[in-house]
Amino acid sequence: MVALVLLIQERSATGGIDLIAQVICDSTKWNVGIFILVIDIVIILIGASIIEATSFLYSLLAVVIVGLSVAAMSRSRNDEEIY
């Protein structure tokens, strides 16, 4: 989780959803952590029909904790850049 926050703060990505979120949030000024959280929740909801309830709940809990942590620790796209 800390590594993901550091990557996002430095405008880098691990690939996949993180990279897509960075590109979209750079042009829309949305918080990248919230965007990643929404995408991850959608993916988990799509997979809810094929996994058992306990796995679904643990996955949802993990995604929410990581997503909100990243959102809280990452810079908002509306903040001014500090160089």
C-alpha atoms as a PDB file:
ATOM      1  CA  MET A   1       0.000   0.000   0.000  1.00  0.00           C
ATOM      2  CA  VAL A   2       2.784   2.453   0.885  1.00  0.00           C
ATOM      3  CA  ALA A   3       4.610   1.629  -2.339  1.00  0.00           C
ATOM      4  CA  LEU A   4       1.482   2.332  -4.377  1.00  0.00           C
ATOM      5  CA  VAL A   5       1.039   5.707  -2.661  1.00  0.00           C
ATOM      6  CA  LEU A   6       4.665   6.621  -3.318  1.00  0.00           C
ATOM      7  CA  LEU A   7       4.343   5.677  -6.975  1.00  0.00           C
ATOM      8  CA  ILE A   8       1.162   7.697  -7.405  1.00  0.00           C
ATOM      9  CA  GLN A   9       2.622  10.723  -5.624  1.00  0.00           C
ATOM     10  CA  GLU A  10       5.547  10.679  -8.037  1.00  0.00           C
ATOM     11  CA  ARG A  11       3.156  10.341 -10.999  1.00  0.00           C
ATOM     12  CA  SER A  12       4.331   6.824 -11.770  1.00  0.00           C
ATOM     13  CA  ALA A  13       2.328   3.597 -11.996  1.00  0.00           C
ATOM     14  CA  THR A  14       2.700  -0.150 -11.752  1.00  0.00           C
ATOM     15  CA  GLY A  15       0.666  -0.679 -14.900  1.00  0.00           C
ATOM     16  CA  GLY A  16      -2.885  -1.907 -15.378  1.00  0.00           C
ATOM     17  CA  ILE A  17      -5.602   0.009 -13.537  1.00  0.00           C
ATOM     18  CA  ASP A  18      -3.063   2.328 -11.885  1.00  0.00           C
ATOM     19  CA  LEU A  19      -1.762   3.485 -15.248  1.00  0.00           C
ATOM     20  CA  ILE A  20      -5.251   3.980 -16.689  1.00  0.00           C
ATOM     21  CA  ALA A  21      -6.265   5.903 -13.560  1.00  0.00           C
ATOM     22  CA  GLN A  22      -3.200   8.164 -13.806  1.00  0.00           C
ATOM     23  CA  VAL A  23      -3.926   9.048 -17.431  1.00  0.00           C
ATOM     24  CA  ILE A  24      -7.628   9.733 -16.865  1.00  0.00           C
ATOM     25  CA  CYS A  25      -7.108  11.646 -13.610  1.00  0.00           C
ATOM     26  CA  ASP A  26      -4.396  13.840 -15.112  1.00  0.00           C
ATOM     27  CA  SER A  27      -6.896  15.204 -17.612  1.00  0.00           C
ATOM     28  CA  THR A  28      -9.975  15.301 -15.355  1.00  0.00           C
ATOM     29  CA  LYS A  29      -8.454  16.528 -12.055  1.00  0.00           C
ATOM     30  CA  TRP A  30     -10.085  13.661 -10.106  1.00  0.00           C
ATOM     31  CA  ASN A  31      -8.378  12.066  -7.112  1.00  0.00           C
ATOM     32  CA  VAL A  32      -6.549   9.034  -8.473  1.00  0.00           C
ATOM     33  CA  GLY A  33      -7.124   7.015  -5.283  1.00  0.00           C
ATOM     34  CA  ILE A  34     -10.899   7.382  -5.517  1.00  0.00           C
ATOM     35  CA  PHE A  35     -10.808   6.479  -9.202  1.00  0.00           C
ATOM     36  CA  ILE A  36      -8.810   3.306  -8.492  1.00  0.00           C
ATOM     37  CA  LEU A  37     -11.211   2.444  -5.648  1.00  0.00           C
ATOM     38  CA  VAL A  38     -14.260   2.748  -7.910  1.00  0.00           C
ATOM     39  CA  ILE A  39     -12.709   0.632 -10.670  1.00  0.00           C
ATOM     40  CA  ASP A  40     -11.625  -2.058  -8.189  1.00  0.00           C
ATOM     41  CA  ILE A  41     -15.092  -2.194  -6.608  1.00  0.00           C
ATOM     42  CA  VAL A  42     -16.690  -2.579 -10.039  1.00  0.00           C
ATOM     43  CA  ILE A  43     -14.323  -5.459 -10.830  1.00  0.00           C
ATOM     44  CA  ILE A  44     -15.105  -7.173  -7.523  1.00  0.00           C
ATOM     45  CA  LEU A  45     -18.852  -6.736  -8.033  1.00  0.00           C
ATOM     46  CA  ILE A  46     -18.581  -8.297 -11.479  1.00  0.00           C
ATOM     47  CA  GLY A  47     -16.763 -11.278  -9.976  1.00  0.00           C
ATOM     48  CA  ALA A  48     -19.185 -11.611  -7.048  1.00  0.00           C
ATOM     49  CA  SER A  49     -21.230 -14.227  -8.867  1.00  0.00           C
ATOM     50  CA  ILE A  50     -18.296 -16.614  -9.250  1.00  0.00           C
ATOM     51  CA  ILE A  51     -16.685 -16.421  -5.791  1.00  0.00           C
ATOM     52  CA  GLU A  52     -18.056 -17.434  -2.430  1.00  0.00           C
ATOM     53  CA  ALA A  53     -19.434 -14.858   0.010  1.00  0.00           C
ATOM     54  CA  THR A  54     -16.510 -14.831   2.450  1.00  0.00           C
ATOM     55  CA  SER A  55     -13.965 -14.315  -0.320  1.00  0.00           C
ATOM     56  CA  PHE A  56     -16.127 -11.561  -1.752  1.00  0.00           C
ATOM     57  CA  LEU A  57     -16.375  -9.757   1.588  1.00  0.00           C
ATOM     58  CA  TYR A  58     -12.643 -10.046   2.317  1.00  0.00           C
ATOM     59  CA  SER A  59     -11.822  -8.800  -1.192  1.00  0.00           C
ATOM     60  CA  LEU A  60     -14.219  -5.892  -0.844  1.00  0.00           C
ATOM     61  CA  LEU A  61     -12.790  -4.998   2.568  1.00  0.00           C
ATOM     62  CA  ALA A  62      -9.210  -5.073   1.259  1.00  0.00           C
ATOM     63  CA  VAL A  63     -10.062  -2.944  -1.772  1.00  0.00           C
ATOM     64  CA  VAL A  64     -11.893  -0.360   0.333  1.00  0.00           C
ATOM     65  CA  ILE A  65      -9.067  -0.102   2.891  1.00  0.00           C
ATOM     66  CA  VAL A  66      -6.353   0.231   0.250  1.00  0.00           C
ATOM     67  CA  GLY A  67      -8.420   2.547  -1.959  1.00  0.00           C
ATOM     68  CA  LEU A  68      -9.330   4.939   0.822  1.00  0.00           C
ATOM     69  CA  SER A  69      -5.761   4.918   2.141  1.00  0.00           C
ATOM     70  CA  VAL A  70      -4.364   5.740  -1.278  1.00  0.00           C
ATOM     71  CA  ALA A  71      -6.992   8.454  -1.759  1.00  0.00           C
ATOM     72  CA  ALA A  72      -6.199  10.000   1.614  1.00  0.00           C
ATOM     73  CA  MET A  73      -2.421   9.945   1.120  1.00  0.00           C
ATOM     74  CA  SER A  74      -2.216  10.875  -2.535  1.00  0.00           C
ATOM     75  CA  ARG A  75      -2.280  14.397  -3.773  1.00  0.00           C
ATOM     76  CA  SER A  76      -5.526  15.594  -5.204  1.00  0.00           C
ATOM     77  CA  ARG A  77      -5.276  16.597  -8.830  1.00  0.00           C
ATOM     78  CA  ASN A  78      -6.690  19.989  -7.816  1.00  0.00           C
ATOM     79  CA  ASP A  79      -3.752  20.716  -5.505  1.00  0.00           C
ATOM     80  CA  GLU A  80      -0.984  22.908  -6.784  1.00  0.00           C
ATOM     81  CA  GLU A  81       2.249  21.230  -7.742  1.00  0.00           C
ATOM     82  CA  ILE A  82       5.200  21.786  -5.447  1.00  0.00           C
ATOM     83  CA  TYR A  83       8.612  21.493  -7.063  1.00  0.00           C
END
